[in-house]
């Protein structure tokens, strides 16, 4: 506020200096002219730091606001696993772009517009008195001119809001397509998919160009109007005040002062005209951030959870008449599923593709909440409870997906272990001791591990993390799909020896040997969930042996 007032005071001072400067010039007052030059130079020395520092404070405030707003959005984004719900339900497109880019645009534009309005209000009060004291009809002409300009700008520029919104979306889609190629470069190269990717990116580029072309046309039409509006005001104040000068009622410097005051006030009351494109872009950004906020706050939970251990003492997991739907609720995958897995026991979930095997794990892990029924957690943090801070310690649940999660950091960060001896021992146990020989400081070497390691190596590293964490319940989704049978056997036997309760999803018949029970899902047909059954693993092995 102090900087704004100082900026406006400097503007008023320069307005009067300009009047006296041109009066001295028109009257051929040499001494007065020299004095005004000195005053002008002194004004520059005092005024320029004020103007520069005001701009700096505005940018600094915008930066701090962006930091706070981004941190606030990130907190909401990660709370209750909203980031996963947004992705799984396709609720909002490109949330990363909205957080990283739209927040910056919002804070810059919002602060800029807010300070512009504040400056305009104070400026309007300061210069209205000057202009009205010079010639009241000039003040009335200014108001009529600004109202007409505002109406014209709204009529010509109303399409810019939607076009700016669409431009943000298509630009984000284009960036996402390029990121997708980078992250899947090896698969695209193996399958020769570069032509398909090129065609898809060309189509997205075309959408960017077409929408931007429409945006340029709308901006051009608005620029015609605003340019005419700006140039005409160079003549209007002089044309209105000139008769007074010709009649000898005012000095020549008053004409320049009236023009300066007129321009100040016109800028104040013509915000819509001059800032319409900024307002249109700002409106689009507000809409996109509003969609993100609504998507994060959208309720997801439908399943209930019980922590009572009285029903099945010693159990680690149980589901009672659980029906599972896709996150949008559009497709029923599993119906009235009931099971219980006791401590230290293991369950393998099998069935055809699309039967809902992974969906059962996602529901147990709390990722999916769409459906009905009850999950009994028996005090296990993370079971059926989205948003639990799960550190892999005592009483926890750990989930291993088919493509493991690699954190951004060193090899030590991947495993979160306190000592080198523990890390080296577990890496040897999962046949990854060679990682320690790749560099002298391999444990602290920071790398893109998801790109540096093969999928099989990533799965073994994930098992190392699992063995070190020793959770009470391990949920494994095709966690050994990229491993040979020997490594698969080694890892599952080590996991069973750790005492963890195991619930796995898999297709390989070899997995049956490492589990005590099997849940067979029949799959859904015509939108109707198929049947399911739980049987001893030995019974399934005997049945398969009999049919061979």
Protein backbone atom coordinates (compact mmCIF):
# COMPACT_ATOMS: atom_id res chain seq x y z
CA UNK A 1 0.00 0.00 0.00
CA UNK A 2 2.83 2.43 0.88
CA UNK A 3 4.57 1.70 -2.42
CA UNK A 4 1.31 2.26 -4.30
CA UNK A 5 0.72 5.62 -2.62
CA UNK A 6 4.30 6.66 -3.32
CA UNK A 7 3.87 5.69 -6.98
CA UNK A 8 0.68 7.77 -7.25
CA UNK A 9 2.26 10.75 -5.51
CA UNK A 10 5.11 10.67 -8.01
CA UNK A 11 2.59 10.55 -10.87
CA UNK A 12 0.77 13.63 -9.56
CA UNK A 13 4.05 15.49 -9.07
CA UNK A 14 5.14 14.72 -12.63
CA UNK A 15 1.79 15.94 -13.89
CA UNK A 16 2.33 19.40 -12.34
CA UNK A 17 5.99 19.44 -13.39
CA UNK A 18 4.90 18.83 -16.96
CA UNK A 19 2.45 21.73 -16.80
CA UNK A 20 5.05 24.19 -15.48
CA UNK A 21 7.70 22.89 -17.91
CA UNK A 22 5.58 23.61 -20.99
CA UNK A 23 4.37 26.93 -19.58
CA UNK A 24 8.01 28.07 -19.22
CA UNK A 25 8.71 26.84 -22.73
CA UNK A 26 5.72 28.61 -24.32
CA UNK A 27 6.50 31.88 -22.46
CA UNK A 28 10.19 31.75 -23.51
CA UNK A 29 11.16 31.96 -19.83
CA UNK A 30 14.81 30.83 -19.98
CA UNK A 31 15.47 30.90 -16.25
CA UNK A 32 12.17 29.18 -15.49
CA UNK A 33 12.91 26.57 -18.16
CA UNK A 34 16.35 25.83 -16.63
CA UNK A 35 14.76 25.57 -13.20
CA UNK A 36 12.15 23.12 -14.49
CA UNK A 37 14.87 20.94 -16.03
CA UNK A 38 16.58 20.75 -12.63
CA UNK A 39 13.27 19.90 -10.97
CA UNK A 40 12.56 17.24 -13.59
CA UNK A 41 15.98 15.64 -13.06
CA UNK A 42 15.45 15.67 -9.30
CA UNK A 43 12.04 14.09 -9.89
CA UNK A 44 13.69 11.35 -11.94
CA UNK A 45 16.17 10.62 -9.15
CA UNK A 46 13.36 10.28 -6.61
CA UNK A 47 10.65 8.81 -8.83
CA UNK A 48 12.47 6.07 -10.75
CA UNK A 49 13.42 4.08 -7.59
CA UNK A 50 9.79 4.32 -6.48
CA UNK A 51 8.50 2.96 -9.81
CA UNK A 52 11.11 0.16 -9.94
CA UNK A 53 10.66 -0.85 -6.33
CA UNK A 54 6.87 -0.91 -6.72
CA UNK A 55 7.19 -3.37 -9.61
CA UNK A 56 9.66 -5.47 -7.61
CA UNK A 57 7.34 -5.66 -4.61
CA UNK A 58 4.45 -6.70 -6.84
CA UNK A 59 6.48 -9.52 -8.39
CA UNK A 60 7.80 -10.61 -5.00
CA UNK A 61 4.30 -10.71 -3.55
CA UNK A 62 3.09 -12.74 -6.53
CA UNK A 63 5.94 -15.22 -5.98
CA UNK A 64 5.11 -15.68 -2.29
CA UNK A 65 1.41 -16.06 -3.11
CA UNK A 66 2.25 -18.69 -5.71
CA UNK A 67 4.39 -20.59 -3.21
CA UNK A 68 1.59 -20.61 -0.64
CA UNK A 69 -1.15 -21.52 -3.13
CA UNK A 70 0.89 -24.30 -4.75
CA UNK A 71 1.75 -25.80 -1.37
CA UNK A 72 -1.93 -25.61 -0.36
CA UNK A 73 -3.05 -27.32 -3.59
CA UNK A 74 -0.37 -30.00 -3.27
CA UNK A 75 -1.53 -30.74 0.27
CA UNK A 76 -5.09 -31.22 -1.00
CA UNK A 77 -3.86 -33.12 -4.06
CA UNK A 78 -2.07 -35.74 -1.96
CA UNK A 79 -4.64 -35.86 0.87
CA UNK A 80 -6.84 -38.97 0.83
CA UNK A 81 -5.00 -40.06 -2.34
CA UNK A 82 -6.96 -37.53 -4.37
CA UNK A 83 -4.22 -37.60 -7.03
CA UNK A 84 -5.08 -41.25 -7.66
CA UNK A 85 -8.84 -40.67 -7.69
CA UNK A 86 -8.46 -37.87 -10.24
CA UNK A 87 -6.43 -40.15 -12.50
CA UNK A 88 -8.46 -43.33 -12.04
CA UNK A 89 -11.79 -41.60 -12.57
CA UNK A 90 -10.54 -39.30 -15.36
CA UNK A 91 -12.17 -36.47 -13.40
CA UNK A 92 -9.78 -33.66 -14.40
CA UNK A 93 -7.34 -33.54 -17.29
CA UNK A 94 -3.71 -32.52 -16.77
CA UNK A 95 -3.75 -31.72 -13.02
CA UNK A 96 0.05 -31.33 -13.13
CA UNK A 97 -0.21 -28.49 -15.63
CA UNK A 98 -2.93 -26.81 -13.59
CA UNK A 99 -0.80 -26.88 -10.44
CA UNK A 100 2.52 -25.94 -12.05
CA UNK A 101 1.40 -23.42 -14.69
CA UNK A 102 -2.15 -22.25 -13.99
CA UNK A 103 -1.34 -21.33 -10.38
CA UNK A 104 1.50 -19.10 -11.58
CA UNK A 105 -0.74 -17.43 -14.14
CA UNK A 106 -3.50 -17.01 -11.56
CA UNK A 107 -1.32 -15.36 -8.93
CA UNK A 108 0.41 -13.08 -11.42
CA UNK A 109 -2.85 -11.99 -13.06
CA UNK A 110 -4.88 -11.77 -9.84
CA UNK A 111 -2.30 -9.65 -8.08
CA UNK A 112 -1.70 -7.51 -11.15
CA UNK A 113 -5.42 -6.86 -11.63
CA UNK A 114 -5.98 -6.23 -7.93
CA UNK A 115 -3.18 -3.66 -7.74
CA UNK A 116 -4.34 -2.12 -11.02
CA UNK A 117 -7.83 -1.65 -9.58
CA UNK A 118 -6.40 -0.22 -6.34
CA UNK A 119 -4.09 2.11 -8.25
CA UNK A 120 -6.94 3.14 -10.50
CA UNK A 121 -9.24 4.04 -7.61
CA UNK A 122 -6.63 6.20 -5.91
CA UNK A 123 -5.47 7.62 -9.24
CA UNK A 124 -9.07 8.43 -10.17
CA UNK A 125 -9.56 10.43 -6.99
CA UNK A 126 -6.24 12.24 -7.43
CA UNK A 127 -6.65 13.32 -11.05
CA UNK A 128 -10.41 13.81 -11.20
CA UNK A 129 -10.07 16.99 -9.16
CA UNK A 130 -7.36 18.27 -11.50
CA UNK A 131 -9.40 17.58 -14.64
CA UNK A 132 -12.67 18.87 -13.23
CA UNK A 133 -11.03 22.09 -12.09
CA UNK A 134 -9.67 22.66 -15.61
CA UNK A 135 -12.90 22.12 -17.54
CA UNK A 136 -15.97 20.16 -16.25
CA UNK A 137 -17.31 19.27 -19.76
CA UNK A 138 -14.02 17.45 -20.44
CA UNK A 139 -14.68 15.24 -17.43
CA UNK A 140 -18.20 14.44 -18.73
CA UNK A 141 -16.81 13.62 -22.21
CA UNK A 142 -14.32 11.25 -20.60
CA UNK A 143 -17.05 9.31 -18.78
CA UNK A 144 -19.16 8.94 -21.92
CA UNK A 145 -16.13 7.84 -23.92
CA UNK A 146 -15.07 5.20 -21.38
CA UNK A 147 -18.58 3.73 -21.07
CA UNK A 148 -18.83 3.35 -24.84
CA UNK A 149 -15.41 1.73 -24.97
CA UNK A 150 -16.31 -0.77 -22.24
CA UNK A 151 -19.50 -1.85 -23.98
CA UNK A 152 -17.66 -2.27 -27.30
CA UNK A 153 -14.85 -4.31 -25.75
CA UNK A 154 -17.23 -6.74 -24.08
CA UNK A 155 -19.18 -7.23 -27.32
CA UNK A 156 -16.05 -7.89 -29.40
CA UNK A 157 -14.02 -9.89 -26.88
CA UNK A 158 -16.52 -12.17 -25.14
CA UNK A 159 -15.35 -15.21 -27.17
CA UNK A 160 -11.81 -14.86 -25.77
CA UNK A 161 -12.73 -16.52 -22.45
CA UNK A 162 -13.71 -19.85 -24.01
CA UNK A 163 -10.84 -19.73 -26.51
CA UNK A 164 -8.28 -19.15 -23.76
CA UNK A 165 -9.72 -22.05 -21.75
CA UNK A 166 -9.50 -24.35 -24.77
CA UNK A 167 -5.96 -23.18 -25.52
CA UNK A 168 -4.77 -24.14 -22.05
CA UNK A 169 -6.33 -27.60 -22.51
CA UNK A 170 -4.90 -28.36 -25.97
CA UNK A 171 -1.45 -27.06 -25.01
CA UNK A 172 -1.48 -29.36 -21.98
CA UNK A 173 -2.55 -32.31 -24.15
CA UNK A 174 0.34 -31.61 -26.50
CA UNK A 175 2.85 -31.56 -23.64
CA UNK A 176 1.39 -34.75 -22.19
CA UNK A 177 1.78 -36.50 -25.54
CA UNK A 178 5.47 -35.56 -25.68
CA UNK A 179 6.04 -36.68 -22.08
CA UNK A 180 4.31 -39.98 -22.88
CA UNK A 181 6.74 -40.60 -25.76
CA UNK A 182 9.70 -39.88 -23.51
CA UNK A 183 8.49 -42.22 -20.78
CA UNK A 184 7.65 -45.04 -23.20
CA UNK A 185 10.51 -44.54 -25.66
CA UNK A 186 11.79 -48.12 -25.46
CA UNK A 187 8.37 -49.72 -25.97
CA UNK A 188 7.59 -47.40 -28.87
CA UNK A 189 10.94 -48.22 -30.48
CA UNK A 190 10.48 -51.99 -30.03
CA UNK A 191 6.98 -52.00 -31.50
CA UNK A 192 7.80 -49.51 -34.24
CA UNK A 193 5.09 -47.23 -32.96
CA UNK A 194 6.77 -43.97 -33.93
CA UNK A 195 4.43 -43.41 -36.88
CA UNK A 196 1.36 -43.78 -34.69
CA UNK A 197 2.85 -41.48 -32.06
CA UNK A 198 3.80 -38.96 -34.74
CA UNK A 199 0.26 -39.04 -36.12
CA UNK A 200 -1.23 -38.56 -32.66
CA UNK A 201 1.09 -35.65 -31.85
CA UNK A 202 0.43 -34.07 -35.24
CA UNK A 203 -3.29 -34.24 -34.52
CA UNK A 204 -2.77 -32.60 -31.13
CA UNK A 205 -0.55 -29.96 -32.71
CA UNK A 206 -3.29 -29.27 -35.24
CA UNK A 207 -5.75 -28.71 -32.39
CA UNK A 208 -3.28 -26.24 -30.83
CA UNK A 209 -2.85 -24.35 -34.11
CA UNK A 210 -6.56 -24.25 -35.00
CA UNK A 211 -7.64 -22.94 -31.60
CA UNK A 212 -4.77 -20.45 -31.46
CA UNK A 213 -5.76 -19.23 -34.92
CA UNK A 214 -9.27 -18.52 -33.64
CA UNK A 215 -7.72 -16.79 -30.63
CA UNK A 216 -5.60 -14.60 -32.92
CA UNK A 217 -8.63 -13.58 -34.98
CA UNK A 218 -10.62 -12.66 -31.87
CA UNK A 219 -7.63 -10.72 -30.47
CA UNK A 220 -7.12 -8.96 -33.81
CA UNK A 221 -10.74 -7.76 -33.89
CA UNK A 222 -10.46 -6.52 -30.33
CA UNK A 223 -7.11 -4.84 -31.08
CA UNK A 224 -8.70 -2.89 -33.96
CA UNK A 225 -11.18 -1.42 -31.52
CA UNK A 226 -8.76 -0.79 -28.64
CA UNK A 227 -6.15 0.78 -30.94
CA UNK A 228 -8.74 3.19 -32.33
CA UNK A 229 -9.86 3.85 -28.78
CA UNK A 230 -6.29 4.63 -27.66
CA UNK A 231 -5.35 6.86 -30.60
CA UNK A 232 -8.52 8.91 -30.53
CA UNK A 233 -7.87 10.05 -26.96
CA UNK A 234 -4.67 11.75 -28.13
CA UNK A 235 -6.89 14.34 -29.85
CA UNK A 236 -9.99 14.42 -27.67
CA UNK A 237 -8.73 16.39 -24.62
CA UNK A 238 -6.85 18.92 -26.76
CA UNK A 239 -9.87 19.35 -29.04
CA UNK A 240 -12.17 20.03 -26.09
CA UNK A 241 -9.80 22.42 -24.25
CA UNK A 242 -8.31 24.17 -27.32
CA UNK A 243 -11.14 26.80 -27.59
CA UNK A 244 -10.27 27.99 -24.07
CA UNK A 245 -6.61 28.39 -25.07
CA UNK A 246 -7.51 30.25 -28.27
CA UNK A 247 -9.74 32.57 -26.19
CA UNK A 248 -6.77 33.25 -23.86
CA UNK A 249 -8.52 31.80 -20.83
CA UNK A 250 -5.87 29.16 -20.09
CA UNK A 251 -2.10 28.77 -20.56
CA UNK A 252 -0.51 26.33 -22.98
CA UNK A 253 0.79 24.15 -20.12
CA UNK A 254 -2.79 23.59 -18.99
CA UNK A 255 -3.46 21.76 -22.28
CA UNK A 256 -0.65 19.28 -21.59
CA UNK A 257 -1.77 18.96 -17.97
CA UNK A 258 -5.36 18.27 -19.03
CA UNK A 259 -4.16 15.67 -21.55
CA UNK A 260 -2.07 13.97 -18.86
CA UNK A 261 -4.91 14.00 -16.33
CA UNK A 262 -7.37 12.86 -19.01
CA UNK A 263 -5.17 9.89 -19.91
CA UNK A 264 -4.72 8.97 -16.26
CA UNK A 265 -8.45 8.98 -15.57
CA UNK A 266 -9.30 7.27 -18.84
CA UNK A 267 -6.91 4.45 -17.98
CA UNK A 268 -8.61 4.19 -14.60
CA UNK A 269 -12.15 3.92 -15.96
CA UNK A 270 -11.22 1.85 -19.04
CA UNK A 271 -9.87 -1.23 -17.29
CA UNK A 272 -12.21 -3.52 -19.19
CA UNK A 273 -11.08 -2.05 -22.52
CA UNK A 274 -7.35 -2.18 -21.86
CA UNK A 275 -7.28 -5.38 -19.80
CA UNK A 276 -9.91 -7.44 -21.62
CA UNK A 277 -7.47 -10.02 -23.01
CA UNK A 278 -5.85 -10.34 -19.59
CA UNK A 279 -9.28 -10.72 -17.99
CA UNK A 280 -10.26 -13.38 -20.54
CA UNK A 281 -7.09 -15.39 -19.87
CA UNK A 282 -7.54 -14.94 -16.14
CA UNK A 283 -11.14 -16.20 -16.34
CA UNK A 284 -9.99 -19.36 -18.16
CA UNK A 285 -7.32 -20.02 -15.52
CA UNK A 286 -9.86 -19.52 -12.72
CA UNK A 287 -12.19 -22.03 -14.38
CA UNK A 288 -9.42 -24.63 -14.72
CA UNK A 289 -8.31 -24.23 -11.09
CA UNK A 290 -11.95 -24.36 -10.01
CA UNK A 291 -12.38 -27.68 -11.83
CA UNK A 292 -9.27 -29.03 -10.09
CA UNK A 293 -10.52 -27.93 -6.67
CA UNK A 294 -13.96 -29.45 -7.26
CA UNK A 295 -12.37 -32.69 -8.47
CA UNK A 296 -10.18 -32.93 -5.36
CA UNK A 297 -13.13 -32.28 -3.05
CA UNK A 298 -15.40 -34.71 -4.89
CA UNK A 299 -16.55 -37.45 -2.48
CA UNK A 300 -15.33 -40.93 -3.36
CA UNK A 301 -15.97 -43.17 -0.39
CA UNK A 302 -18.77 -45.75 -0.49
CA UNK A 303 -17.25 -48.76 1.24
CA UNK A 304 -17.28 -48.95 5.00
CA UNK A 305 -14.43 -50.06 7.23
CA UNK A 306 -14.37 -51.79 10.59
CA UNK A 307 -11.40 -52.07 12.94
CA UNK A 308 -13.16 -54.52 15.26
CA UNK A 309 -11.06 -57.62 15.94
CA UNK A 310 -13.81 -59.48 17.84
CA UNK A 311 -15.27 -61.28 14.84
CA UNK A 312 -12.13 -63.06 13.67
CA UNK A 313 -9.42 -62.71 16.25
CA UNK A 314 -5.96 -62.96 14.70
CA UNK A 315 -7.13 -62.21 11.16
CA UNK A 316 -5.26 -59.66 9.14
CA UNK A 317 -7.83 -58.97 6.48
CA UNK A 318 -11.48 -59.70 5.84
CA UNK A 319 -14.14 -58.62 3.36
CA UNK A 320 -17.84 -59.03 4.07
CA UNK A 321 -20.25 -58.97 1.12
CA UNK A 322 -18.11 -56.48 -0.77
CA UNK A 323 -19.24 -55.38 -4.23
CA UNK A 324 -16.66 -53.50 -6.31
CA UNK A 325 -17.40 -51.03 -9.07
CA UNK A 326 -15.11 -48.99 -11.29
CA UNK A 327 -14.28 -45.57 -9.76
CA UNK A 328 -16.97 -43.86 -11.81
CA UNK A 329 -19.50 -46.42 -10.61
CA UNK A 330 -20.35 -47.38 -14.19
CA UNK A 331 -19.29 -51.05 -14.17
CA UNK A 332 -19.76 -53.73 -11.50
CA UNK A 333 -16.70 -56.01 -11.32
CA UNK A 334 -17.18 -58.19 -8.23
CA UNK A 335 -20.34 -58.80 -6.22
CA UNK A 336 -20.90 -59.95 -2.62
CA UNK A 337 -17.31 -61.06 -2.10
CA UNK A 338 -16.58 -62.43 1.39
CA UNK A 339 -13.21 -63.74 2.51
CA UNK A 340 -10.77 -63.68 5.41
CA UNK A 341 -7.03 -64.11 5.49
CA UNK A 342 -5.48 -64.93 8.85
CA UNK A 343 -2.11 -63.74 10.09
CA UNK A 344 0.82 -65.41 8.37
CA UNK A 345 -1.38 -67.03 5.72
CA UNK A 346 -1.38 -66.37 1.97
CA UNK A 347 -4.04 -65.97 -0.71
CA UNK A 348 -3.61 -65.95 -4.50
CA UNK A 349 -6.24 -64.18 -6.63
CA UNK A 350 -6.62 -65.66 -10.11
CA UNK A 351 -9.01 -65.34 -13.02
CA UNK A 352 -9.30 -64.14 -16.61
CA UNK A 353 -8.22 -60.67 -17.65
CA UNK A 354 -10.79 -58.06 -16.62
CA UNK A 355 -12.28 -60.26 -13.91
CA UNK A 356 -11.40 -57.73 -11.19
CA UNK A 357 -8.31 -59.30 -9.63
CA UNK A 358 -6.36 -56.05 -9.32
CA UNK A 359 -9.57 -54.28 -8.34
CA UNK A 360 -9.81 -56.49 -5.22
CA UNK A 361 -6.26 -55.45 -4.24
CA UNK A 362 -7.00 -51.79 -4.97
CA UNK A 363 -10.07 -52.00 -2.76
CA UNK A 364 -8.14 -53.66 0.07
CA UNK A 365 -5.41 -51.02 -0.25
CA UNK A 366 -8.01 -48.24 -0.11
CA UNK A 367 -7.34 -47.00 -3.64
CA UNK A 368 -10.83 -47.84 -4.85
CA UNK A 369 -13.78 -46.86 -2.69
CA UNK A 370 -16.63 -47.29 -5.13
CA UNK A 371 -18.97 -50.10 -4.14
CA UNK A 372 -20.62 -51.57 -1.06
CA UNK A 373 -19.79 -53.87 1.83
CA UNK A 374 -17.36 -53.84 4.74
CA UNK A 375 -13.59 -54.27 5.01
CA UNK A 376 -12.25 -55.43 8.37
CA UNK A 377 -8.78 -54.00 8.94
CA UNK A 378 -8.04 -55.33 12.46
CA UNK A 379 -5.86 -52.33 13.25
CA UNK A 380 -3.79 -52.51 10.07
CA UNK A 381 -2.93 -48.96 9.01
CA UNK A 382 -3.61 -48.61 5.29
CA UNK A 383 -6.07 -51.50 4.83
CA UNK A 384 -9.17 -50.12 3.15
CA UNK A 385 -8.29 -46.66 4.40
CA UNK A 386 -7.17 -44.16 1.75
CA UNK A 387 -4.75 -41.49 2.85
CA UNK A 388 -3.08 -43.38 5.71
CA UNK A 389 0.56 -42.37 6.08
CA UNK A 390 2.09 -45.78 5.46
CA UNK A 391 5.76 -46.10 6.39
CA UNK A 392 5.97 -49.87 6.13
CA UNK A 393 6.46 -50.32 9.86
CA UNK A 394 4.70 -52.52 12.36
CA UNK A 395 0.99 -52.95 11.77
CA UNK A 396 1.16 -51.67 8.19
CA UNK A 397 0.13 -52.79 4.73
CA UNK A 398 2.52 -52.58 1.79
CA UNK A 399 1.36 -52.68 -1.83
CA UNK A 400 3.60 -53.84 -4.69
CA UNK A 401 2.25 -53.03 -8.16
CA UNK A 402 3.42 -54.69 -11.37
CA UNK A 403 5.54 -51.65 -12.20
CA UNK A 404 7.21 -50.71 -8.89
CA UNK A 405 7.34 -47.18 -7.55
CA UNK A 406 10.87 -45.75 -7.77
CA UNK A 407 11.42 -42.62 -5.68
CA UNK A 408 13.50 -39.71 -6.95
CA UNK A 409 16.80 -40.15 -5.16
CA UNK A 410 19.64 -42.54 -4.43
CA UNK A 411 19.70 -46.32 -4.05
CA UNK A 412 19.61 -45.80 -0.30
CA UNK A 413 16.43 -43.72 -0.69
CA UNK A 414 14.75 -46.59 -2.58
CA UNK A 415 15.09 -48.89 0.42
CA UNK A 416 14.90 -46.46 3.36
CA UNK A 417 17.31 -48.43 5.53
CA UNK A 418 19.56 -47.01 8.25
CA UNK A 419 22.75 -49.02 7.71
CA UNK A 420 24.86 -50.08 4.73
CA UNK A 421 25.12 -53.63 6.05
CA UNK A 422 21.34 -54.14 5.96
CA UNK A 423 21.11 -52.67 2.47
CA UNK A 424 23.93 -54.79 1.07
CA UNK A 425 22.48 -57.95 2.64
CA UNK A 426 19.00 -57.51 1.22
CA UNK A 427 20.30 -56.57 -2.24
CA UNK A 428 22.29 -59.80 -2.27
CA UNK A 429 19.21 -61.70 -1.11
CA UNK A 430 17.20 -60.49 -4.15
CA UNK A 431 20.09 -61.05 -6.57
CA UNK A 432 20.90 -57.33 -7.02
CA UNK A 433 24.34 -57.27 -5.41
CA UNK A 434 25.77 -56.16 -8.75
CA UNK A 435 24.19 -52.71 -8.26
CA UNK A 436 26.75 -52.01 -5.55
CA UNK A 437 29.59 -52.55 -8.02
CA UNK A 438 28.43 -50.00 -10.61
CA UNK A 439 30.18 -47.10 -8.88
CA UNK A 440 32.29 -46.38 -5.81
CA UNK A 441 29.42 -44.55 -4.11
CA UNK A 442 26.59 -46.69 -5.48
CA UNK A 443 24.48 -46.39 -2.33
CA UNK A 444 24.30 -42.60 -2.60
CA UNK A 445 24.27 -42.33 -6.39
CA UNK A 446 21.21 -40.34 -7.49
CA UNK A 447 19.70 -41.62 -10.74
CA UNK A 448 16.47 -42.14 -12.64
CA UNK A 449 16.12 -45.71 -11.37
CA UNK A 450 12.91 -46.42 -13.30
CA UNK A 451 14.83 -45.74 -16.51
CA UNK A 452 18.17 -47.17 -15.41
CA UNK A 453 16.88 -50.56 -14.21
CA UNK A 454 14.97 -53.14 -16.21
CA UNK A 455 11.45 -54.01 -15.07
CA UNK A 456 12.75 -57.26 -13.60
CA UNK A 457 15.41 -55.40 -11.61
CA UNK A 458 12.82 -52.90 -10.43
CA UNK A 459 10.60 -55.75 -9.22
CA UNK A 460 13.49 -57.31 -7.31
CA UNK A 461 14.35 -53.93 -5.78
CA UNK A 462 10.70 -53.57 -4.73
CA UNK A 463 10.90 -56.99 -3.04
CA UNK A 464 14.03 -55.81 -1.22
CA UNK A 465 12.04 -52.84 0.08
CA UNK A 466 9.24 -55.21 1.09
CA UNK A 467 11.57 -57.59 2.97
CA UNK A 468 13.17 -54.71 4.86
CA UNK A 469 9.82 -53.14 5.77
CA UNK A 470 8.44 -56.51 6.98
CA UNK A 471 4.80 -55.37 6.89
CA UNK A 472 2.11 -57.50 8.50
CA UNK A 473 0.24 -57.64 5.19
CA UNK A 474 1.76 -57.57 1.69
CA UNK A 475 -0.45 -56.95 -1.36
CA UNK A 476 1.29 -58.03 -4.58
CA UNK A 477 -0.13 -57.25 -8.02
CA UNK A 478 1.73 -59.27 -10.68
CA UNK A 479 4.85 -58.34 -8.69
CA UNK A 480 7.01 -61.03 -10.34
CA UNK A 481 5.65 -60.85 -13.90
CA UNK A 482 9.04 -59.81 -15.33
CA UNK A 483 11.06 -62.44 -13.41
CA UNK A 484 12.09 -65.95 -14.31
CA UNK A 485 10.68 -68.81 -12.24
CA UNK A 486 13.89 -69.27 -10.24
CA UNK A 487 13.95 -65.64 -9.05
CA UNK A 488 10.20 -65.77 -8.47
CA UNK A 489 10.62 -68.81 -6.24
CA UNK A 490 13.52 -67.23 -4.34
CA UNK A 491 11.60 -64.02 -3.61
CA UNK A 492 8.31 -65.65 -2.59
CA UNK A 493 10.08 -68.08 -0.27
CA UNK A 494 11.96 -65.20 1.37
CA UNK A 495 8.67 -63.32 1.77
CA UNK A 496 6.95 -66.33 3.34
CA UNK A 497 9.86 -66.81 5.73
CA UNK A 498 9.44 -63.18 6.87
CA UNK A 499 6.06 -64.03 8.41
CA UNK A 500 4.05 -61.45 6.44
CA UNK A 501 0.50 -62.22 5.40
CA UNK A 502 0.40 -62.34 1.58
CA UNK A 503 -2.38 -61.55 -0.87
CA UNK A 504 -1.21 -61.84 -4.47
CA UNK A 505 -2.63 -61.38 -7.94
CA UNK A 506 -1.16 -63.45 -10.75
CA UNK A 507 -1.72 -65.56 -13.84
CA UNK A 508 1.21 -67.96 -13.59
CA UNK A 509 0.29 -71.47 -12.38
CA UNK A 510 3.67 -71.58 -10.60
CA UNK A 511 2.41 -68.99 -8.09
CA UNK A 512 -0.11 -71.44 -6.61
CA UNK A 513 2.72 -73.32 -4.86
CA UNK A 514 3.58 -70.27 -2.71
CA UNK A 515 0.04 -69.72 -1.39
CA UNK A 516 -2.33 -71.67 0.84
CA UNK A 517 -5.62 -70.50 -0.66
CA UNK A 518 -6.79 -69.34 -4.07
CA UNK A 519 -9.61 -66.92 -4.88
CA UNK A 520 -10.96 -67.70 -8.34
CA UNK A 521 -12.83 -64.86 -10.04
CA UNK A 522 -15.08 -65.74 -12.95
CA UNK A 523 -15.15 -62.36 -14.65
CA UNK A 524 -18.15 -60.29 -15.68
CA UNK A 525 -20.26 -60.84 -18.76
CA UNK A 526 -22.68 -58.32 -20.28
CA UNK A 527 -22.02 -56.07 -17.29
CA UNK A 528 -23.02 -58.78 -14.75
CA UNK A 529 -20.25 -59.79 -12.31
CA UNK A 530 -19.22 -63.44 -12.57
CA UNK A 531 -19.07 -66.00 -9.81
CA UNK A 532 -16.18 -66.39 -7.39
CA UNK A 533 -14.93 -69.11 -5.08
CA UNK A 534 -12.18 -69.62 -2.50
CA UNK A 535 -10.44 -73.00 -2.44
CA UNK A 536 -7.29 -74.53 -0.92
CA UNK A 537 -4.27 -74.17 -3.18
CA UNK A 538 -3.51 -77.89 -2.89
CA UNK A 539 -6.97 -78.72 -4.22
CA UNK A 540 -6.41 -76.52 -7.27
CA UNK A 541 -2.99 -78.07 -7.88
CA UNK A 542 -4.48 -81.57 -7.65
CA UNK A 543 -7.28 -80.67 -10.05
CA UNK A 544 -4.80 -79.31 -12.59
CA UNK A 545 -2.56 -82.35 -12.22
CA UNK A 546 -5.55 -84.61 -12.83
CA UNK A 547 -6.48 -82.82 -16.06
CA UNK A 548 -2.95 -82.98 -17.49
